[in-house]
Amino acid sequence: MQRFKATKIASFLGIFFNLFLFVIKFIASFFTSSQAMMADAINSLGDIFSSLMTLIGNKIASKPSDDDHNLGHGKAEYIYSLLISIVIIVVALTLFKDSLESIIVKSDYTFSYMLIVVCIITIVIKLSLYFYTNKLSKSLNSLLLKANSKDHLYDAIITTINLLAIILTSFGIYFVDGLVGVLIALWILISGLKIFKESYDVLMDKAIDNDTKDKVLEVVKKYSEVKKITHFNATPVGYKYQISFTIFVDGKMSTYESHDIANKIERELEKFDEIYLTVIHVNPI
């Protein structure tokens, strides 16, 4: 439950601070006609949606298994991560179009020190949220928090670039504002595509990574009674995996002895953070 409680707190913090940042960015862009700042504001609006999706996905994923969902509701985390990525991609394409137009058709940009202040506030808040959620994502192995933490980091970098553009426009170099808007849009698009791929892989039951598979096989091979291992399968269950495989033992061994070996292997594999459930089939050889 610690995993879901921590994700809930991170989501609420994301919603609160992104709402605050959206308001001050929107006000700043409204009074200065800055396309880059407007892009940054819309990005914050997308972050609010992402945090809401994280909150909803986390709530559903925290439900225990039941008669209709024997392996729990863990995949909800990846369904909502997929939704987040689609929103990010749509926002990125919209920003790209608007920013490109602002380069071709010169906008009525007005420099203001308010833009610099908003950028500095954004960078401080976003870096603080990044360090907090990144630490949580590593300790809890959560894709939702990982997606959230990356989003915070990208926002800090994006706003830093925006700050540089604002400084340049103060010297009369106005096309940089639209150019930065284009770069922000491309950056958001790439991050959205990456999250989409990670979520899609899990939802399409991508196999367990080779390092974890090797760790599992090393445990099995410690038992000299196991002569052969076949039919290794792994299915994602939320952020963990259900694995199954067949072991072959001496045909003269009693049923009790052979199944006792399987039980011992299962108990060892239960200690792995990546493993949700292990099913071992025993065959004589």
Protein backbone atom coordinates (compact mmCIF):
# COMPACT_ATOMS: atom_id res chain seq x y z
CA MET A 1 0.00 0.00 0.00
CA GLN A 2 3.00 2.30 0.47
CA ARG A 3 3.43 2.34 -3.33
CA PHE A 4 -0.11 3.59 -3.95
CA LYS A 5 -0.12 6.07 -1.07
CA ALA A 6 3.16 7.61 -2.29
CA THR A 7 1.84 7.84 -5.86
CA LYS A 8 -1.33 9.52 -4.59
CA ILE A 9 0.66 12.19 -2.73
CA ALA A 10 2.89 12.78 -5.79
CA SER A 11 -0.20 13.17 -7.98
CA PHE A 12 -1.83 15.73 -5.67
CA LEU A 13 1.41 17.73 -5.52
CA GLY A 14 1.62 17.64 -9.33
CA ILE A 15 -1.95 18.86 -9.75
CA PHE A 16 -1.56 21.71 -7.23
CA PHE A 17 1.75 23.08 -8.53
CA ASN A 18 0.92 22.63 -12.22
CA LEU A 19 -2.36 24.49 -11.74
CA PHE A 20 -0.45 27.34 -10.09
CA LEU A 21 2.13 27.38 -12.90
CA PHE A 22 -0.53 27.27 -15.61
CA VAL A 23 -2.25 30.35 -14.15
CA ILE A 24 0.90 32.49 -13.89
CA LYS A 25 2.18 31.36 -17.31
CA PHE A 26 -1.16 32.05 -18.98
CA ILE A 27 -1.33 35.54 -17.42
CA ALA A 28 2.24 36.28 -18.53
CA SER A 29 1.63 35.04 -22.10
CA PHE A 30 -1.68 36.96 -22.31
CA PHE A 31 -0.06 40.29 -21.50
CA THR A 32 3.11 39.76 -23.59
CA SER A 33 1.79 37.66 -26.54
CA SER A 34 4.73 35.29 -26.05
CA GLN A 35 4.20 32.11 -28.08
CA ALA A 36 6.89 30.25 -26.14
CA MET A 37 5.25 31.14 -22.81
CA MET A 38 1.83 30.14 -24.14
CA ALA A 39 3.34 26.81 -25.21
CA ASP A 40 4.76 26.45 -21.71
CA ALA A 41 1.33 27.26 -20.20
CA ILE A 42 -0.44 24.66 -22.34
CA ASN A 43 2.27 22.18 -21.38
CA SER A 44 1.41 22.82 -17.71
CA LEU A 45 -2.27 22.27 -18.51
CA GLY A 46 -1.32 18.91 -20.02
CA ASP A 47 0.64 18.14 -16.85
CA ILE A 48 -2.51 18.71 -14.76
CA PHE A 49 -4.30 16.14 -16.91
CA SER A 50 -1.32 13.76 -16.59
CA SER A 51 -1.40 14.06 -12.79
CA LEU A 52 -5.15 13.38 -12.79
CA MET A 53 -4.62 10.29 -14.95
CA THR A 54 -1.84 9.18 -12.59
CA LEU A 55 -4.21 9.59 -9.64
CA ILE A 56 -7.04 7.63 -11.30
CA GLY A 57 -4.73 4.92 -12.67
CA ASN A 58 -3.06 4.53 -9.28
CA LYS A 59 -6.44 4.18 -7.51
CA ILE A 60 -7.61 1.42 -9.87
CA ALA A 61 -4.23 -0.37 -9.86
CA SER A 62 -4.27 -0.49 -6.04
CA LYS A 63 -7.38 -2.69 -5.98
CA PRO A 64 -6.68 -6.30 -4.96
CA SER A 65 -7.43 -9.29 -7.18
CA ASP A 66 -11.03 -10.51 -7.36
CA ASP A 67 -13.13 -13.12 -9.16
CA ASP A 68 -13.24 -11.05 -12.35
CA HIS A 69 -9.58 -9.95 -12.21
CA ASN A 70 -7.60 -12.88 -10.85
CA LEU A 71 -4.24 -11.15 -11.28
CA GLY A 72 -5.33 -7.83 -9.82
CA HIS A 73 -5.75 -4.46 -11.55
CA GLY A 74 -2.08 -3.57 -12.07
CA LYS A 75 -2.39 -2.98 -15.80
CA ALA A 76 -4.61 0.04 -15.12
CA GLU A 77 -1.36 1.88 -14.40
CA TYR A 78 -0.23 1.29 -17.98
CA ILE A 79 -3.61 2.04 -19.55
CA TYR A 80 -3.56 5.49 -17.95
CA SER A 81 0.11 5.98 -18.83
CA LEU A 82 -0.92 5.30 -22.43
CA LEU A 83 -3.69 7.91 -22.17
CA ILE A 84 -1.18 10.42 -20.75
CA SER A 85 1.17 9.79 -23.69
CA ILE A 86 -1.63 10.34 -26.25
CA VAL A 87 -2.56 13.67 -24.64
CA ILE A 88 1.12 14.70 -24.61
CA ILE A 89 1.44 13.85 -28.33
CA VAL A 90 -1.71 15.81 -29.28
CA VAL A 91 -0.58 18.84 -27.24
CA ALA A 92 2.87 18.68 -28.86
CA LEU A 93 1.47 18.66 -32.41
CA THR A 94 -0.85 21.61 -31.63
CA LEU A 95 2.00 23.63 -30.12
CA PHE A 96 4.25 22.84 -33.08
CA LYS A 97 1.64 24.19 -35.53
CA ASP A 98 0.99 27.38 -33.52
CA SER A 99 4.69 28.09 -32.94
CA LEU A 100 5.54 27.58 -36.60
CA GLU A 101 2.82 30.02 -37.59
CA SER A 102 4.21 32.61 -35.14
CA ILE A 103 7.59 32.46 -36.94
CA ILE A 104 6.02 32.85 -40.40
CA VAL A 105 3.53 35.51 -39.30
CA LYS A 106 5.26 37.86 -36.83
CA SER A 107 3.38 38.02 -33.50
CA ASP A 108 2.87 41.16 -31.37
CA TYR A 109 5.46 40.11 -28.79
CA THR A 110 6.11 42.47 -25.84
CA PHE A 111 9.11 41.91 -23.57
CA SER A 112 8.43 41.96 -19.82
CA TYR A 113 10.48 41.07 -16.73
CA MET A 114 7.37 39.22 -15.57
CA LEU A 115 8.28 36.49 -18.09
CA ILE A 116 11.71 36.02 -16.46
CA VAL A 117 10.21 35.80 -12.97
CA VAL A 118 7.65 33.20 -14.11
CA CYS A 119 10.42 31.13 -15.72
CA ILE A 120 12.56 31.13 -12.56
CA ILE A 121 9.58 30.13 -10.37
CA THR A 122 8.75 27.32 -12.82
CA ILE A 123 12.31 25.96 -12.93
CA VAL A 124 12.60 25.85 -9.12
CA ILE A 125 9.23 24.12 -8.65
CA LYS A 126 9.73 21.65 -11.48
CA LEU A 127 13.22 20.58 -10.41
CA SER A 128 11.96 20.06 -6.85
CA LEU A 129 9.08 17.89 -8.14
CA TYR A 130 11.49 15.96 -10.40
CA PHE A 131 13.89 15.01 -7.60
CA TYR A 132 10.97 13.99 -5.38
CA THR A 133 9.11 11.83 -7.94
CA ASN A 134 12.28 10.37 -9.49
CA LYS A 135 13.40 9.06 -6.09
CA LEU A 136 9.94 7.56 -5.53
CA SER A 137 9.78 5.96 -9.01
CA LYS A 138 13.10 4.17 -8.44
CA SER A 139 12.21 2.92 -4.95
CA LEU A 140 8.73 1.76 -6.01
CA ASN A 141 9.50 0.73 -9.62
CA SER A 142 6.49 2.69 -10.90
CA LEU A 143 6.07 3.56 -14.60
CA LEU A 144 3.45 6.18 -13.70
CA LEU A 145 5.86 7.97 -11.35
CA LYS A 146 8.69 7.52 -13.84
CA ALA A 147 6.57 9.18 -16.55
CA ASN A 148 5.65 11.91 -14.08
CA SER A 149 9.25 12.55 -13.00
CA LYS A 150 10.47 12.75 -16.60
CA ASP A 151 7.69 15.19 -17.35
CA HIS A 152 8.84 17.45 -14.48
CA LEU A 153 12.46 17.31 -15.70
CA TYR A 154 11.47 18.07 -19.29
CA ASP A 155 9.42 21.02 -18.06
CA ALA A 156 12.40 22.45 -16.17
CA ILE A 157 14.63 22.11 -19.26
CA ILE A 158 11.94 23.53 -21.55
CA THR A 159 11.42 26.56 -19.31
CA THR A 160 15.21 27.11 -19.13
CA ILE A 161 15.28 27.28 -22.94
CA ASN A 162 12.26 29.58 -22.78
CA LEU A 163 14.16 31.83 -20.35
CA LEU A 164 17.08 32.09 -22.78
CA ALA A 165 14.64 33.00 -25.57
CA ILE A 166 13.10 35.74 -23.41
CA ILE A 167 16.55 37.20 -22.73
CA LEU A 168 17.30 37.21 -26.48
CA THR A 169 13.99 38.89 -27.31
CA SER A 170 14.88 41.66 -24.85
CA PHE A 171 17.64 42.48 -27.37
CA GLY A 172 15.15 42.58 -30.25
CA ILE A 173 15.65 39.03 -31.57
CA TYR A 174 11.94 38.18 -31.75
CA PHE A 175 11.92 35.11 -34.02
CA VAL A 176 13.56 33.09 -31.21
CA ASP A 177 10.27 33.11 -29.29
CA GLY A 178 8.49 31.10 -32.02
CA LEU A 179 11.57 28.93 -32.58
CA VAL A 180 11.67 27.96 -28.90
CA GLY A 181 7.95 27.14 -29.13
CA VAL A 182 8.76 24.72 -31.98
CA LEU A 183 11.61 23.13 -29.98
CA ILE A 184 9.38 22.75 -26.91
CA ALA A 185 6.73 21.07 -29.06
CA LEU A 186 9.26 18.60 -30.51
CA TRP A 187 10.64 17.82 -27.05
CA ILE A 188 7.15 17.13 -25.70
CA LEU A 189 6.37 14.95 -28.73
CA ILE A 190 9.47 12.76 -28.20
CA SER A 191 8.72 12.27 -24.50
CA GLY A 192 5.10 11.38 -25.31
CA LEU A 193 6.18 8.79 -27.88
CA LYS A 194 8.58 7.18 -25.39
CA ILE A 195 5.90 6.85 -22.70
CA PHE A 196 3.49 5.48 -25.34
CA LYS A 197 5.98 2.77 -26.32
CA GLU A 198 6.69 1.71 -22.72
CA SER A 199 2.96 1.47 -21.92
CA TYR A 200 2.15 -0.28 -25.19
CA ASP A 201 4.86 -2.90 -24.61
CA VAL A 202 3.40 -3.89 -21.23
CA LEU A 203 -0.21 -3.92 -22.47
CA MET A 204 0.88 -6.13 -25.35
CA ASP A 205 2.45 -8.55 -22.84
CA LYS A 206 6.07 -7.88 -23.70
CA ALA A 207 8.35 -10.59 -22.33
CA ILE A 208 10.35 -10.12 -19.14
CA ASP A 209 13.75 -8.47 -19.62
CA ASN A 210 16.75 -10.75 -20.13
CA ASP A 211 18.50 -9.71 -16.90
CA THR A 212 15.54 -10.74 -14.73
CA LYS A 213 15.07 -13.95 -16.73
CA ASP A 214 18.73 -14.83 -16.19
CA LYS A 215 18.36 -14.18 -12.44
CA VAL A 216 15.38 -16.55 -12.33
CA LEU A 217 17.21 -19.27 -14.27
CA GLU A 218 20.24 -18.95 -11.99
CA VAL A 219 18.02 -19.76 -8.99
CA VAL A 220 16.55 -22.81 -10.75
CA LYS A 221 19.96 -24.11 -11.86
CA LYS A 222 21.18 -24.14 -8.25
CA TYR A 223 19.06 -27.26 -7.76
CA SER A 224 21.05 -30.19 -9.14
CA GLU A 225 17.86 -32.30 -9.25
CA VAL A 226 16.56 -30.11 -12.11
CA LYS A 227 17.85 -31.69 -15.32
CA LYS A 228 16.18 -29.39 -17.86
CA ILE A 229 14.05 -26.22 -18.05
CA THR A 230 11.56 -25.58 -20.87
CA HIS A 231 8.49 -23.50 -21.78
CA PHE A 232 9.58 -20.34 -19.97
CA ASN A 233 6.80 -17.74 -20.23
CA ALA A 234 6.31 -14.34 -18.60
CA THR A 235 3.21 -12.13 -18.58
CA PRO A 236 3.17 -8.55 -17.20
CA VAL A 237 0.87 -8.03 -14.21
CA GLY A 238 1.05 -4.31 -13.52
CA TYR A 239 4.67 -3.49 -12.76
CA LYS A 240 5.48 -7.17 -12.00
CA TYR A 241 5.44 -10.43 -13.95
CA GLN A 242 3.73 -13.78 -13.67
CA ILE A 243 6.19 -16.42 -14.83
CA SER A 244 5.73 -20.09 -15.61
CA PHE A 245 8.07 -22.83 -16.78
CA THR A 246 8.53 -26.58 -16.77
CA ILE A 247 11.30 -28.39 -14.90
CA PHE A 248 12.36 -31.96 -15.62
CA VAL A 249 13.54 -34.21 -12.76
CA ASP A 250 14.53 -37.86 -12.39
CA GLY A 251 11.51 -40.01 -13.17
CA LYS A 252 12.35 -42.28 -10.22
CA MET A 253 11.86 -39.40 -7.79
CA SER A 254 8.64 -39.48 -5.76
CA THR A 255 5.86 -36.98 -6.49
CA TYR A 256 6.35 -35.44 -3.06
CA GLU A 257 10.11 -34.93 -3.57
CA SER A 258 9.75 -33.44 -7.07
CA HIS A 259 7.02 -31.02 -6.00
CA ASP A 260 8.97 -30.06 -2.89
CA ILE A 261 11.79 -28.87 -5.18
CA ALA A 262 9.29 -26.79 -7.19
CA ASN A 263 7.91 -25.27 -3.97
CA LYS A 264 11.40 -24.33 -2.79
CA ILE A 265 12.15 -22.62 -6.12
CA GLU A 266 8.84 -20.73 -5.98
CA ARG A 267 9.59 -19.48 -2.44
CA GLU A 268 12.98 -18.18 -3.56
CA LEU A 269 11.51 -16.41 -6.57
CA GLU A 270 8.82 -14.78 -4.40
CA LYS A 271 11.59 -12.60 -2.96
CA PHE A 272 12.16 -10.95 -6.37
CA ASP A 273 10.51 -7.52 -6.63
CA GLU A 274 9.82 -8.17 -10.32
CA ILE A 275 7.90 -11.42 -9.75
CA TYR A 276 4.17 -11.41 -8.93
CA LEU A 277 3.53 -15.16 -9.22
CA THR A 278 5.51 -18.26 -10.21
CA VAL A 279 3.89 -21.39 -11.65
CA ILE A 280 6.15 -24.42 -12.07
CA HIS A 281 5.12 -27.59 -13.90
CA VAL A 282 7.09 -30.74 -13.00
CA ASN A 283 7.83 -33.47 -15.56
CA PRO A 284 9.80 -36.73 -15.19
CA ILE A 285 12.81 -37.40 -17.42
